[in-house]
PDB file of N, CA and C in Angstrom:
ATOM      1  N   MET A   1      69.190 135.700  82.142  1.00  0.00           N
ATOM      2  CA  MET A   1      70.355 136.152  82.870  1.00  0.00           C
ATOM      3  C   MET A   1      70.017 137.417  83.645  1.00  0.00           C
ATOM      4  N   ALA A   2      70.324 137.452  84.912  1.00  0.00           N
ATOM      5  CA  ALA A   2      70.013 138.592  85.765  1.00  0.00           C
ATOM      6  C   ALA A   2      71.005 139.717  85.523  1.00  0.00           C
ATOM      7  N   LEU A   3      70.489 140.920  85.606  1.00  0.00           N
ATOM      8  CA  LEU A   3      71.360 142.084  85.474  1.00  0.00           C
ATOM      9  C   LEU A   3      72.113 142.298  86.773  1.00  0.00           C
ATOM     10  N   GLN A   4      73.363 142.678  86.646  1.00  0.00           N
ATOM     11  CA  GLN A   4      74.169 142.937  87.835  1.00  0.00           C
ATOM     12  C   GLN A   4      74.063 144.412  88.199  1.00  0.00           C
ATOM     13  N   SER A   5      74.090 144.670  89.490  1.00  0.00           N
ATOM     14  CA  SER A   5      74.084 146.056  89.941  1.00  0.00           C
ATOM     15  C   SER A   5      75.454 146.669  89.691  1.00  0.00           C
ATOM     16  N   ARG A   6      75.504 147.982  89.686  1.00  0.00           N
ATOM     17  CA  ARG A   6      76.769 148.693  89.458  1.00  0.00           C
ATOM     18  C   ARG A   6      77.797 148.322  90.526  1.00  0.00           C
ATOM     19  N   SER A   7      77.365 148.183  91.774  1.00  0.00           N
ATOM     20  CA  SER A   7      78.304 147.833  92.846  1.00  0.00           C
ATOM     21  C   SER A   7      78.859 146.418  92.656  1.00  0.00           C
ATOM     22  N   GLN A   8      78.026 145.508  92.128  1.00  0.00           N
ATOM     23  CA  GLN A   8      78.495 144.149  91.861  1.00  0.00           C
ATOM     24  C   GLN A   8      79.513 144.151  90.725  1.00  0.00           C
ATOM     25  N   ILE A   9      79.269 144.939  89.694  1.00  0.00           N
ATOM     26  CA  ILE A   9      80.210 145.049  88.575  1.00  0.00           C
ATOM     27  C   ILE A   9      81.536 145.616  89.065  1.00  0.00           C
ATOM     28  N   ASP A  10      81.479 146.670  89.886  1.00  0.00           N
ATOM     29  CA  ASP A  10      82.703 147.260  90.439  1.00  0.00           C
ATOM     30  C   ASP A  10      83.457 146.242  91.295  1.00  0.00           C
ATOM     31  N   SER A  11      82.718 145.483  92.086  1.00  0.00           N
ATOM     32  CA  SER A  11      83.331 144.465  92.937  1.00  0.00           C
ATOM     33  C   SER A  11      84.006 143.383  92.089  1.00  0.00           C
ATOM     34  N   ASP A  12      83.335 142.958  91.018  1.00  0.00           N
ATOM     35  CA  ASP A  12      83.913 141.959  90.114  1.00  0.00           C
ATOM     36  C   ASP A  12      85.177 142.490  89.445  1.00  0.00           C
ATOM     37  N   GLU A  13      85.157 143.753  89.038  1.00  0.00           N
ATOM     38  CA  GLU A  13      86.335 144.352  88.402  1.00  0.00           C
ATOM     39  C   GLU A  13      87.497 144.436  89.383  1.00  0.00           C
ATOM     40  N   LEU A  14      87.205 144.790  90.620  1.00  0.00           N
ATOM     41  CA  LEU A  14      88.239 144.856  91.648  1.00  0.00           C
ATOM     42  C   LEU A  14      88.824 143.463  91.899  1.00  0.00           C
ATOM     43  N   THR A  15      87.955 142.480  92.018  1.00  0.00           N
ATOM     44  CA  THR A  15      88.406 141.100  92.213  1.00  0.00           C
ATOM     45  C   THR A  15      89.244 140.640  91.029  1.00  0.00           C
ATOM     46  N   LEU A  16      88.797 140.944  89.815  1.00  0.00           N
ATOM     47  CA  LEU A  16      89.529 140.564  88.609  1.00  0.00           C
ATOM     48  C   LEU A  16      90.911 141.208  88.584  1.00  0.00           C
ATOM     49  N   ASN A  17      90.980 142.480  88.933  1.00  0.00           N
ATOM     50  CA  ASN A  17      92.277 143.166  88.967  1.00  0.00           C
ATOM     51  C   ASN A  17      93.220 142.535  89.990  1.00  0.00           C
ATOM     52  N   LYS A  18      92.692 142.190  91.150  1.00  0.00           N
ATOM     53  CA  LYS A  18      93.517 141.531  92.176  1.00  0.00           C
ATOM     54  C   LYS A  18      94.022 140.181  91.680  1.00  0.00           C
ATOM     55  N   LEU A  19      93.137 139.427  91.060  1.00  0.00           N
ATOM     56  CA  LEU A  19      93.524 138.110  90.545  1.00  0.00           C
ATOM     57  C   LEU A  19      94.587 138.230  89.455  1.00  0.00           C
ATOM     58  N   LYS A  20      94.440 139.224  88.594  1.00  0.00           N
ATOM     59  CA  LYS A  20      95.425 139.416  87.525  1.00  0.00           C
ATOM     60  C   LYS A  20      96.784 139.809  88.092  1.00  0.00           C
ATOM     61  N   ARG A  21      96.792 140.608  89.145  1.00  0.00           N
ATOM     62  CA  ARG A  21      98.068 140.967  89.787  1.00  0.00           C
ATOM     63  C   ARG A  21      98.704 139.745  90.436  1.00  0.00           C
ATOM     64  N   LYS A  22      97.892 138.949  91.097  1.00  0.00           N
ATOM     65  CA  LYS A  22      98.402 137.726  91.716  1.00  0.00           C
ATOM     66  C   LYS A  22      98.924 136.774  90.644  1.00  0.00           C
ATOM     67  N   ARG A  23      98.192 136.683  89.535  1.00  0.00           N
ATOM     68  CA  ARG A  23      98.634 135.845  88.422  1.00  0.00           C
ATOM     69  C   ARG A  23      99.993 136.309  87.908  1.00  0.00           C
ATOM     70  N   GLY A  24     100.185 137.610  87.805  1.00  0.00           N
ATOM     71  CA  GLY A  24     101.469 138.148  87.362  1.00  0.00           C
ATOM     72  C   GLY A  24     102.599 137.749  88.292  1.00  0.00           C
ATOM     73  N   CYS A  25     102.344 137.818  89.581  1.00  0.00           N
ATOM     74  CA  CYS A  25     103.360 137.399  90.563  1.00  0.00           C
ATOM     75  C   CYS A  25     103.659 135.907  90.433  1.00  0.00           C
ATOM     76  N   LEU A  26     102.623 135.106  90.268  1.00  0.00           N
ATOM     77  CA  LEU A  26     102.823 133.659  90.125  1.00  0.00           C
ATOM     78  C   LEU A  26     103.560 133.313  88.837  1.00  0.00           C
ATOM     79  N   ARG A  27     103.237 134.021  87.761  1.00  0.00           N
ATOM     80  CA  ARG A  27     103.963 133.792  86.507  1.00  0.00           C
ATOM     81  C   ARG A  27     105.446 134.089  86.697  1.00  0.00           C
ATOM     82  N   GLY A  28     105.734 135.169  87.395  1.00  0.00           N
ATOM     83  CA  GLY A  28     107.125 135.501  87.688  1.00  0.00           C
ATOM     84  C   GLY A  28     107.795 134.411  88.501  1.00  0.00           C
ATOM     85  N   ALA A  29     107.074 133.872  89.475  1.00  0.00           N
ATOM     86  CA  ALA A  29     107.622 132.797  90.309  1.00  0.00           C
ATOM     87  C   ALA A  29     107.865 131.535  89.483  1.00  0.00           C
ATOM     88  N   VAL A  30     106.963 131.241  88.547  1.00  0.00           N
ATOM     89  CA  VAL A  30     107.145 130.077  87.672  1.00  0.00           C
ATOM     90  C   VAL A  30     108.385 130.266  86.808  1.00  0.00           C
ATOM     91  N   THR A  31     108.507 131.435  86.209  1.00  0.00           N
ATOM     92  CA  THR A  31     109.666 131.719  85.360  1.00  0.00           C
ATOM     93  C   THR A  31     110.957 131.637  86.163  1.00  0.00           C
ATOM     94  N   LYS A  32     110.939 132.183  87.369  1.00  0.00           N
ATOM     95  CA  LYS A  32     112.121 132.136  88.232  1.00  0.00           C
ATOM     96  C   LYS A  32     112.479 130.691  88.586  1.00  0.00           C
ATOM     97  N   GLN A  33     111.482 129.872  88.894  1.00  0.00           N
ATOM     98  CA  GLN A  33     111.728 128.470  89.237  1.00  0.00           C
ATOM     99  C   GLN A  33     112.274 127.705  88.035  1.00  0.00           C
ATOM    100  N   ILE A  34     111.737 127.967  86.856  1.00  0.00           N
ATOM    101  CA  ILE A  34     112.237 127.311  85.647  1.00  0.00           C
ATOM    102  C   ILE A  34     113.686 127.699  85.400  1.00  0.00           C
ATOM    103  N   THR A  35     114.006 128.979  85.558  1.00  0.00           N
ATOM    104  CA  THR A  35     115.383 129.450  85.384  1.00  0.00           C
ATOM    105  C   THR A  35     116.312 128.780  86.388  1.00  0.00           C
ATOM    106  N   LYS A  36     115.848 128.643  87.625  1.00  0.00           N
ATOM    107  CA  LYS A  36     116.653 127.980  88.658  1.00  0.00           C
ATOM    108  C   LYS A  36     116.918 126.523  88.280  1.00  0.00           C
ATOM    109  N   ILE A  37     115.899 125.837  87.825  1.00  0.00           N
ATOM    110  CA  ILE A  37     116.071 124.435  87.438  1.00  0.00           C
ATOM    111  C   ILE A  37     117.045 124.332  86.268  1.00  0.00           C
ATOM    112  N   GLU A  38     116.894 125.204  85.286  1.00  0.00           N
ATOM    113  CA  GLU A  38     117.803 125.189  84.135  1.00  0.00           C
ATOM    114  C   GLU A  38     119.244 125.387  84.580  1.00  0.00           C
ATOM    115  N   SER A  39     119.449 126.248  85.546  1.00  0.00           N
ATOM    116  CA  SER A  39     120.788 126.480  86.086  1.00  0.00           C
ATOM    117  C   SER A  39     121.270 125.272  86.890  1.00  0.00           C
ATOM    118  N   ASP A  40     120.385 124.732  87.715  1.00  0.00           N
ATOM    119  CA  ASP A  40     120.747 123.600  88.576  1.00  0.00           C
ATOM    120  C   ASP A  40     121.140 122.359  87.785  1.00  0.00           C
ATOM    121  N   ILE A  41     120.462 122.112  86.664  1.00  0.00           N
ATOM    122  CA  ILE A  41     120.751 120.880  85.929  1.00  0.00           C
ATOM    123  C   ILE A  41     122.133 120.900  85.287  1.00  0.00           C
ATOM    124  N   LEU A  42     122.738 122.068  85.215  1.00  0.00           N
ATOM    125  CA  LEU A  42     124.095 122.169  84.676  1.00  0.00           C
ATOM    126  C   LEU A  42     125.160 121.926  85.740  1.00  0.00           C
ATOM    127  N   LYS A  43     124.751 121.914  86.992  1.00  0.00           N
ATOM    128  CA  LYS A  43     125.702 121.705  88.084  1.00  0.00           C
ATOM    129  C   LYS A  43     126.060 120.226  88.188  1.00  0.00           C
ATOM    130  N   PRO A  44     127.349 119.915  88.214  1.00  0.00           N
ATOM    131  CA  PRO A  44     127.745 118.503  88.277  1.00  0.00           C
ATOM    132  C   PRO A  44     127.359 117.817  89.584  1.00  0.00           C
ATOM    133  N   GLY A  45     127.209 118.555  90.662  1.00  0.00           N
ATOM    134  CA  GLY A  45     126.913 117.936  91.951  1.00  0.00           C
ATOM    135  C   GLY A  45     125.450 117.959  92.333  1.00  0.00           C
ATOM    136  N   ILE A  46     124.564 118.268  91.400  1.00  0.00           N
ATOM    137  CA  ILE A  46     123.141 118.345  91.733  1.00  0.00           C
ATOM    138  C   ILE A  46     122.632 116.964  92.154  1.00  0.00           C
ATOM    139  N   THR A  47     121.799 116.954  93.171  1.00  0.00           N
ATOM    140  CA  THR A  47     121.274 115.683  93.680  1.00  0.00           C
ATOM    141  C   THR A  47     119.843 115.460  93.204  1.00  0.00           C
ATOM    142  N   VAL A  48     119.433 114.217  93.240  1.00  0.00           N
ATOM    143  CA  VAL A  48     118.061 113.863  92.891  1.00  0.00           C
ATOM    144  C   VAL A  48     117.094 114.599  93.816  1.00  0.00           C
ATOM    145  N   GLU A  49     117.439 114.681  95.093  1.00  0.00           N
ATOM    146  CA  GLU A  49     116.573 115.360  96.064  1.00  0.00           C
ATOM    147  C   GLU A  49     116.378 116.829  95.695  1.00  0.00           C
ATOM    148  N   ASP A  50     117.457 117.493  95.287  1.00  0.00           N
ATOM    149  CA  ASP A  50     117.349 118.897  94.884  1.00  0.00           C
ATOM    150  C   ASP A  50     116.431 119.044  93.675  1.00  0.00           C
ATOM    151  N   LEU A  51     116.585 118.157  92.716  1.00  0.00           N
ATOM    152  CA  LEU A  51     115.750 118.207  91.514  1.00  0.00           C
ATOM    153  C   LEU A  51     114.291 117.907  91.838  1.00  0.00           C
ATOM    154  N   GLU A  52     114.063 116.924  92.694  1.00  0.00           N
ATOM    155  CA  GLU A  52     112.690 116.592  93.080  1.00  0.00           C
ATOM    156  C   GLU A  52     112.036 117.746  93.828  1.00  0.00           C
ATOM    157  N   GLU A  53     112.798 118.411  94.672  1.00  0.00           N
ATOM    158  CA  GLU A  53     112.281 119.576  95.393  1.00  0.00           C
ATOM    159  C   GLU A  53     111.906 120.679  94.413  1.00  0.00           C
ATOM    160  N   SER A  54     112.760 120.912  93.441  1.00  0.00           N
ATOM    161  CA  SER A  54     112.488 121.949  92.446  1.00  0.00           C
ATOM    162  C   SER A  54     111.246 121.627  91.625  1.00  0.00           C
ATOM    163  N   ILE A  55     111.093 120.362  91.261  1.00  0.00           N
ATOM    164  CA  ILE A  55     109.898 119.952  90.514  1.00  0.00           C
ATOM    165  C   ILE A  55     108.649 120.156  91.362  1.00  0.00           C
ATOM    166  N   GLU A  56     108.742 119.822  92.633  1.00  0.00           N
ATOM    167  CA  GLU A  56     107.594 119.983  93.531  1.00  0.00           C
ATOM    168  C   GLU A  56     107.183 121.453  93.630  1.00  0.00           C
ATOM    169  N   LEU A  57     108.165 122.326  93.786  1.00  0.00           N
ATOM    170  CA  LEU A  57     107.865 123.760  93.857  1.00  0.00           C
ATOM    171  C   LEU A  57     107.234 124.254  92.558  1.00  0.00           C
ATOM    172  N   LEU A  58     107.770 123.815  91.432  1.00  0.00           N
ATOM    173  CA  LEU A  58     107.224 124.206  90.136  1.00  0.00           C
ATOM    174  C   LEU A  58     105.796 123.690  89.978  1.00  0.00           C
ATOM    175  N   THR A  59     105.559 122.472  90.396  1.00  0.00           N
ATOM    176  CA  THR A  59     104.223 121.881  90.313  1.00  0.00           C
ATOM    177  C   THR A  59     103.230 122.652  91.177  1.00  0.00           C
ATOM    178  N   GLU A  60     103.631 122.994  92.391  1.00  0.00           N
ATOM    179  CA  GLU A  60     102.748 123.758  93.284  1.00  0.00           C
ATOM    180  C   GLU A  60     102.386 125.105  92.673  1.00  0.00           C
ATOM    181  N   ARG A  61     103.374 125.775  92.122  1.00  0.00           N
ATOM    182  CA  ARG A  61     103.104 127.076  91.500  1.00  0.00           C
ATOM    183  C   ARG A  61     102.192 126.916  90.286  1.00  0.00           C
ATOM    184  N   GLY A  62     102.377 125.833  89.556  1.00  0.00           N
ATOM    185  CA  GLY A  62     101.503 125.555  88.418  1.00  0.00           C
ATOM    186  C   GLY A  62     100.064 125.333  88.848  1.00  0.00           C
ATOM    187  N   LEU A  63      99.880 124.625  89.948  1.00  0.00           N
ATOM    188  CA  LEU A  63      98.531 124.397  90.470  1.00  0.00           C
ATOM    189  C   LEU A  63      97.896 125.699  90.956  1.00  0.00           C
ATOM    190  N   GLU A  64      98.699 126.550  91.590  1.00  0.00           N
ATOM    191  CA  GLU A  64      98.193 127.850  92.022  1.00  0.00           C
ATOM    192  C   GLU A  64      97.771 128.682  90.814  1.00  0.00           C
ATOM    193  N   LEU A  65      98.580 128.650  89.755  1.00  0.00           N
ATOM    194  CA  LEU A  65      98.232 129.374  88.531  1.00  0.00           C
ATOM    195  C   LEU A  65      96.927 128.848  87.946  1.00  0.00           C
ATOM    196  N   LYS A  66      96.774 127.544  87.935  1.00  0.00           N
ATOM    197  CA  LYS A  66      95.559 126.933  87.398  1.00  0.00           C
ATOM    198  C   LYS A  66      94.329 127.427  88.153  1.00  0.00           C
ATOM    199  N   LEU A  67      94.429 127.509  89.466  1.00  0.00           N
ATOM    200  CA  LEU A  67      93.326 128.002  90.282  1.00  0.00           C
ATOM    201  C   LEU A  67      93.014 129.465  89.961  1.00  0.00           C
ATOM    202  N   ILE A  68      94.058 130.272  89.859  1.00  0.00           N
ATOM    203  CA  ILE A  68      93.867 131.691  89.530  1.00  0.00           C
ATOM    204  C   ILE A  68      93.213 131.830  88.160  1.00  0.00           C
ATOM    205  N   TYR A  69      93.684 131.045  87.189  1.00  0.00           N
ATOM    206  CA  TYR A  69      93.110 131.111  85.846  1.00  0.00           C
ATOM    207  C   TYR A  69      91.624 130.783  85.861  1.00  0.00           C
ATOM    208  N   SER A  70      91.231 129.781  86.626  1.00  0.00           N
ATOM    209  CA  SER A  70      89.813 129.421  86.669  1.00  0.00           C
ATOM    210  C   SER A  70      88.986 130.527  87.321  1.00  0.00           C
ATOM    211  N   GLN A  71      89.557 131.188  88.322  1.00  0.00           N
ATOM    212  CA  GLN A  71      88.847 132.299  88.958  1.00  0.00           C
ATOM    213  C   GLN A  71      88.729 133.483  88.001  1.00  0.00           C
ATOM    214  N   ILE A  72      89.795 133.751  87.256  1.00  0.00           N
ATOM    215  CA  ILE A  72      89.766 134.846  86.282  1.00  0.00           C
ATOM    216  C   ILE A  72      88.749 134.539  85.187  1.00  0.00           C
ATOM    217  N   GLU A  73      88.756 133.305  84.716  1.00  0.00           N
ATOM    218  CA  GLU A  73      87.850 132.910  83.637  1.00  0.00           C
ATOM    219  C   GLU A  73      86.389 133.160  84.001  1.00  0.00           C
ATOM    220  N   SER A  74      86.054 132.970  85.263  1.00  0.00           N
ATOM    221  CA  SER A  74      84.665 133.172  85.683  1.00  0.00           C
ATOM    222  C   SER A  74      84.275 134.649  85.713  1.00  0.00           C
ATOM    223  N   LEU A  75      85.271 135.536  85.654  1.00  0.00           N
ATOM    224  CA  LEU A  75      84.988 136.970  85.755  1.00  0.00           C
ATOM    225  C   LEU A  75      85.186 137.747  84.454  1.00  0.00           C
ATOM    226  N   ILE A  76      85.828 137.144  83.459  1.00  0.00           N
ATOM    227  CA  ILE A  76      86.125 137.900  82.239  1.00  0.00           C
ATOM    228  C   ILE A  76      84.993 137.786  81.224  1.00  0.00           C
ATOM    229  N   GLN A  77      85.035 138.687  80.263  1.00  0.00           N
ATOM    230  CA  GLN A  77      84.060 138.692  79.185  1.00  0.00           C
ATOM    231  C   GLN A  77      84.396 137.587  78.185  1.00  0.00           C
ATOM    232  N   VAL A  78      83.404 137.160  77.457  1.00  0.00           N
ATOM    233  CA  VAL A  78      83.567 136.080  76.487  1.00  0.00           C
ATOM    234  C   VAL A  78      84.661 136.402  75.474  1.00  0.00           C
ATOM    235  N   ASP A  79      84.738 137.647  75.027  1.00  0.00           N
ATOM    236  CA  ASP A  79      85.727 138.016  74.009  1.00  0.00           C
ATOM    237  C   ASP A  79      87.166 137.992  74.530  1.00  0.00           C
ATOM    238  N   GLU A  80      87.355 137.901  75.823  1.00  0.00           N
ATOM    239  CA  GLU A  80      88.696 137.842  76.406  1.00  0.00           C
ATOM    240  C   GLU A  80      89.174 136.409  76.654  1.00  0.00           C
ATOM    241  N   ILE A  81      88.296 135.454  76.518  1.00  0.00           N
ATOM    242  CA  ILE A  81      88.621 134.068  76.864  1.00  0.00           C
ATOM    243  C   ILE A  81      89.738 133.506  75.993  1.00  0.00           C
ATOM    244  N   GLU A  82      89.737 133.825  74.702  1.00  0.00           N
ATOM    245  CA  GLU A  82      90.763 133.282  73.802  1.00  0.00           C
ATOM    246  C   GLU A  82      92.163 133.724  74.217  1.00  0.00           C
ATOM    247  N   VAL A  83      92.314 134.995  74.553  1.00  0.00           N
ATOM    248  CA  VAL A  83      93.616 135.512  74.983  1.00  0.00           C
ATOM    249  C   VAL A  83      94.049 134.826  76.272  1.00  0.00           C
ATOM    250  N   GLU A  84      93.128 134.685  77.211  1.00  0.00           N
ATOM    251  CA  GLU A  84      93.437 134.008  78.471  1.00  0.00           C
ATOM    252  C   GLU A  84      93.830 132.553  78.229  1.00  0.00           C
ATOM    253  N   PHE A  85      93.112 131.882  77.339  1.00  0.00           N
ATOM    254  CA  PHE A  85      93.403 130.482  77.048  1.00  0.00           C
ATOM    255  C   PHE A  85      94.813 130.323  76.488  1.00  0.00           C
ATOM    256  N   GLU A  86      95.197 131.200  75.565  1.00  0.00           N
ATOM    257  CA  GLU A  86      96.545 131.142  74.987  1.00  0.00           C
ATOM    258  C   GLU A  86      97.605 131.333  76.067  1.00  0.00           C
ATOM    259  N   SER A  87      97.353 132.255  76.971  1.00  0.00           N
ATOM    260  CA  SER A  87      98.280 132.513  78.071  1.00  0.00           C
ATOM    261  C   SER A  87      98.396 131.294  78.978  1.00  0.00           C
ATOM    262  N   ILE A  88      97.271 130.697  79.292  1.00  0.00           N
ATOM    263  CA  ILE A  88      97.250 129.508  80.141  1.00  0.00           C
ATOM    264  C   ILE A  88      98.059 128.388  79.493  1.00  0.00           C
ATOM    265  N   GLU A  89      97.817 128.160  78.222  1.00  0.00           N
ATOM    266  CA  GLU A  89      98.504 127.085  77.505  1.00  0.00           C
ATOM    267  C   GLU A  89     100.006 127.318  77.445  1.00  0.00           C
ATOM    268  N   GLU A  90     100.421 128.560  77.294  1.00  0.00           N
ATOM    269  CA  GLU A  90     101.851 128.884  77.252  1.00  0.00           C
ATOM    270  C   GLU A  90     102.540 128.469  78.550  1.00  0.00           C
ATOM    271  N   TYR A  91     101.948 128.820  79.674  1.00  0.00           N
ATOM    272  CA  TYR A  91     102.556 128.477  80.961  1.00  0.00           C
ATOM    273  C   TYR A  91     102.449 126.989  81.273  1.00  0.00           C
ATOM    274  N   LYS A  92     101.331 126.374  80.913  1.00  0.00           N
ATOM    275  CA  LYS A  92     101.206 124.927  81.109  1.00  0.00           C
ATOM    276  C   LYS A  92     102.294 124.195  80.333  1.00  0.00           C
ATOM    277  N   GLU A  93     102.546 124.651  79.111  1.00  0.00           N
ATOM    278  CA  GLU A  93     103.569 124.021  78.279  1.00  0.00           C
ATOM    279  C   GLU A  93     104.959 124.205  78.883  1.00  0.00           C
ATOM    280  N   LYS A  94     105.261 125.405  79.352  1.00  0.00           N
ATOM    281  CA  LYS A  94     106.568 125.657  79.978  1.00  0.00           C
ATOM    282  C   LYS A  94     106.783 124.741  81.180  1.00  0.00           C
ATOM    283  N   ILE A  95     105.772 124.650  82.020  1.00  0.00           N
ATOM    284  CA  ILE A  95     105.864 123.828  83.230  1.00  0.00           C
ATOM    285  C   ILE A  95     106.009 122.354  82.862  1.00  0.00           C
ATOM    286  N   THR A  96     105.197 121.897  81.933  1.00  0.00           N
ATOM    287  CA  THR A  96     105.238 120.492  81.527  1.00  0.00           C
ATOM    288  C   THR A  96     106.587 120.130  80.921  1.00  0.00           C
ATOM    289  N   ARG A  97     107.107 120.984  80.051  1.00  0.00           N
ATOM    290  CA  ARG A  97     108.410 120.713  79.427  1.00  0.00           C
ATOM    291  C   ARG A  97     109.521 120.626  80.478  1.00  0.00           C
ATOM    292  N   MET A  98     109.526 121.559  81.416  1.00  0.00           N
ATOM    293  CA  MET A  98     110.583 121.560  82.424  1.00  0.00           C
ATOM    294  C   MET A  98     110.452 120.354  83.346  1.00  0.00           C
ATOM    295  N   ARG A  99     109.241 119.998  83.711  1.00  0.00           N
ATOM    296  CA  ARG A  99     109.047 118.812  84.548  1.00  0.00           C
ATOM    297  C   ARG A  99     109.532 117.564  83.817  1.00  0.00           C
ATOM    298  N   PHE A 100     109.220 117.456  82.531  1.00  0.00           N
ATOM    299  CA  PHE A 100     109.638 116.301  81.741  1.00  0.00           C
ATOM    300  C   PHE A 100     111.162 116.217  81.666  1.00  0.00           C
ATOM    301  N   LYS A 101     111.801 117.324  81.337  1.00  0.00           N
ATOM    302  CA  LYS A 101     113.265 117.338  81.230  1.00  0.00           C
ATOM    303  C   LYS A 101     113.917 116.972  82.562  1.00  0.00           C
ATOM    304  N   THR A 102     113.372 117.505  83.627  1.00  0.00           N
ATOM    305  CA  THR A 102     113.946 117.241  84.946  1.00  0.00           C
ATOM    306  C   THR A 102     113.738 115.785  85.348  1.00  0.00           C
ATOM    307  N   GLN A 103     112.568 115.243  85.064  1.00  0.00           N
ATOM    308  CA  GLN A 103     112.318 113.826  85.365  1.00  0.00           C
ATOM    309  C   GLN A 103     113.272 112.930  84.580  1.00  0.00           C
ATOM    310  N   LYS A 104     113.522 113.274  83.325  1.00  0.00           N
ATOM    311  CA  LYS A 104     114.473 112.502  82.515  1.00  0.00           C
ATOM    312  C   LYS A 104     115.864 112.547  83.139  1.00  0.00           C
ATOM    313  N   LEU A 105     116.274 113.722  83.598  1.00  0.00           N
ATOM    314  CA  LEU A 105     117.580 113.846  84.232  1.00  0.00           C
ATOM    315  C   LEU A 105     117.639 113.026  85.517  1.00  0.00           C
ATOM    316  N   ILE A 106     116.577 113.058  86.290  1.00  0.00           N
ATOM    317  CA  ILE A 106     116.522 112.259  87.522  1.00  0.00           C
ATOM    318  C   ILE A 106     116.693 110.777  87.188  1.00  0.00           C
ATOM    319  N   GLN A 107     116.037 110.321  86.136  1.00  0.00           N
ATOM    320  CA  GLN A 107     116.178 108.920  85.721  1.00  0.00           C
ATOM    321  C   GLN A 107     117.622 108.610  85.338  1.00  0.00           C
ATOM    322  N   LYS A 108     118.251 109.512  84.600  1.00  0.00           N
ATOM    323  CA  LYS A 108     119.641 109.286  84.184  1.00  0.00           C
ATOM    324  C   LYS A 108     120.586 109.305  85.378  1.00  0.00           C
ATOM    325  N   ILE A 109     120.344 110.229  86.297  1.00  0.00           N
ATOM    326  CA  ILE A 109     121.183 110.279  87.500  1.00  0.00           C
ATOM    327  C   ILE A 109     121.027 108.978  88.283  1.00  0.00           C
ATOM    328  N   SER A 110     119.788 108.538  88.443  1.00  0.00           N
ATOM    329  CA  SER A 110     119.526 107.300  89.187  1.00  0.00           C
ATOM    330  C   SER A 110     120.194 106.107  88.519  1.00  0.00           C
ATOM    331  N   LYS A 111     120.128 106.030  87.212  1.00  0.00           N
ATOM    332  CA  LYS A 111     120.795 104.942  86.485  1.00  0.00           C
ATOM    333  C   LYS A 111     122.302 105.031  86.672  1.00  0.00           C
ATOM    334  N   GLY A 112     122.831 106.253  86.638  1.00  0.00           N
ATOM    335  CA  GLY A 112     124.269 106.447  86.817  1.00  0.00           C
ATOM    336  C   GLY A 112     124.729 105.995  88.182  1.00  0.00           C
ATOM    337  N   PHE A 113     123.956 106.309  89.207  1.00  0.00           N
ATOM    338  CA  PHE A 113     124.300 105.869  90.560  1.00  0.00           C
ATOM    339  C   PHE A 113     124.260 104.354  90.650  1.00  0.00           C
ATOM    340  N   ASN A 114     123.279 103.762  90.009  1.00  0.00           N
ATOM    341  CA  ASN A 114     123.163 102.304  90.058  1.00  0.00           C
ATOM    342  C   ASN A 114     124.307 101.625  89.315  1.00  0.00           C
ATOM    343  N   ALA A 115     124.792 102.253  88.252  1.00  0.00           N
ATOM    344  CA  ALA A 115     125.820 101.622  87.425  1.00  0.00           C
ATOM    345  C   ALA A 115     127.215 101.766  88.020  1.00  0.00           C
ATOM    346  N   ASN A 116     127.570 102.988  88.434  1.00  0.00           N
ATOM    347  CA  ASN A 116     128.960 103.182  88.866  1.00  0.00           C
ATOM    348  C   ASN A 116     129.123 104.204  89.988  1.00  0.00           C
ATOM    349  N   ASN A 117     128.062 104.434  90.740  1.00  0.00           N
ATOM    350  CA  ASN A 117     128.099 105.363  91.874  1.00  0.00           C
ATOM    351  C   ASN A 117     128.400 106.801  91.471  1.00  0.00           C
ATOM    352  N   SER A 118     128.219 107.124  90.227  1.00  0.00           N
ATOM    353  CA  SER A 118     128.422 108.486  89.749  1.00  0.00           C
ATOM    354  C   SER A 118     127.360 108.787  88.708  1.00  0.00           C
ATOM    355  N   TRP A 119     126.830 109.989  88.737  1.00  0.00           N
ATOM    356  CA  TRP A 119     125.830 110.330  87.743  1.00  0.00           C
ATOM    357  C   TRP A 119     126.450 111.024  86.551  1.00  0.00           C
ATOM    358  N   GLN A 120     127.717 111.302  86.588  1.00  0.00           N
ATOM    359  CA  GLN A 120     128.381 111.987  85.487  1.00  0.00           C
ATOM    360  C   GLN A 120     128.225 111.163  84.211  1.00  0.00           C
ATOM    361  N   ASP A 121     127.434 111.656  83.312  1.00  0.00           N
ATOM    362  CA  ASP A 121     127.121 110.937  82.083  1.00  0.00           C
ATOM    363  C   ASP A 121     127.242 111.912  80.924  1.00  0.00           C
ATOM    364  N   SER A 122     128.105 111.618  80.000  1.00  0.00           N
ATOM    365  CA  SER A 122     128.391 112.564  78.929  1.00  0.00           C
ATOM    366  C   SER A 122     127.240 112.730  77.950  1.00  0.00           C
ATOM    367  N   ASP A 123     126.228 111.870  77.992  1.00  0.00           N
ATOM    368  CA  ASP A 123     125.138 112.014  77.033  1.00  0.00           C
ATOM    369  C   ASP A 123     123.884 112.639  77.647  1.00  0.00           C
ATOM    370  N   ILE A 124     124.033 113.399  78.715  1.00  0.00           N
ATOM    371  CA  ILE A 124     122.901 114.114  79.300  1.00  0.00           C
ATOM    372  C   ILE A 124     122.834 115.489  78.650  1.00  0.00           C
ATOM    373  N   TYR A 125     121.830 115.671  77.811  1.00  0.00           N
ATOM    374  CA  TYR A 125     121.615 116.951  77.136  1.00  0.00           C
ATOM    375  C   TYR A 125     120.180 117.380  77.380  1.00  0.00           C
ATOM    376  N   LEU A 126     120.010 118.570  77.929  1.00  0.00           N
ATOM    377  CA  LEU A 126     118.654 119.061  78.165  1.00  0.00           C
ATOM    378  C   LEU A 126     118.430 120.368  77.492  1.00  0.00           C
TER     379      LEU A 126
END
């Protein structure tokens, strides 16, 4: 393994700090999108299109986070990987759960429209 120069180490630290700040912003955006979806699914007039748009935005942010995580992973020390992995898994789980719940609601809304032109269904619990 080649030794890195001091300027390369400083550059890597600067890049890592920038990536971590960007990751923080993206995490905030993911949390905000999840909160929006949770609020939207309680609205009686929510449309399938609105839900699909929200899922798409959440998915895009999740993909951006995944990219940032891989870039961070290449710059961190081995002893930091476990903490990063736990953080990654936490957000992946949040995104996956919300996507699943929203997809289930979309299916129920679609079935409701097919059955009686209304999605109002008393057994929709998320």
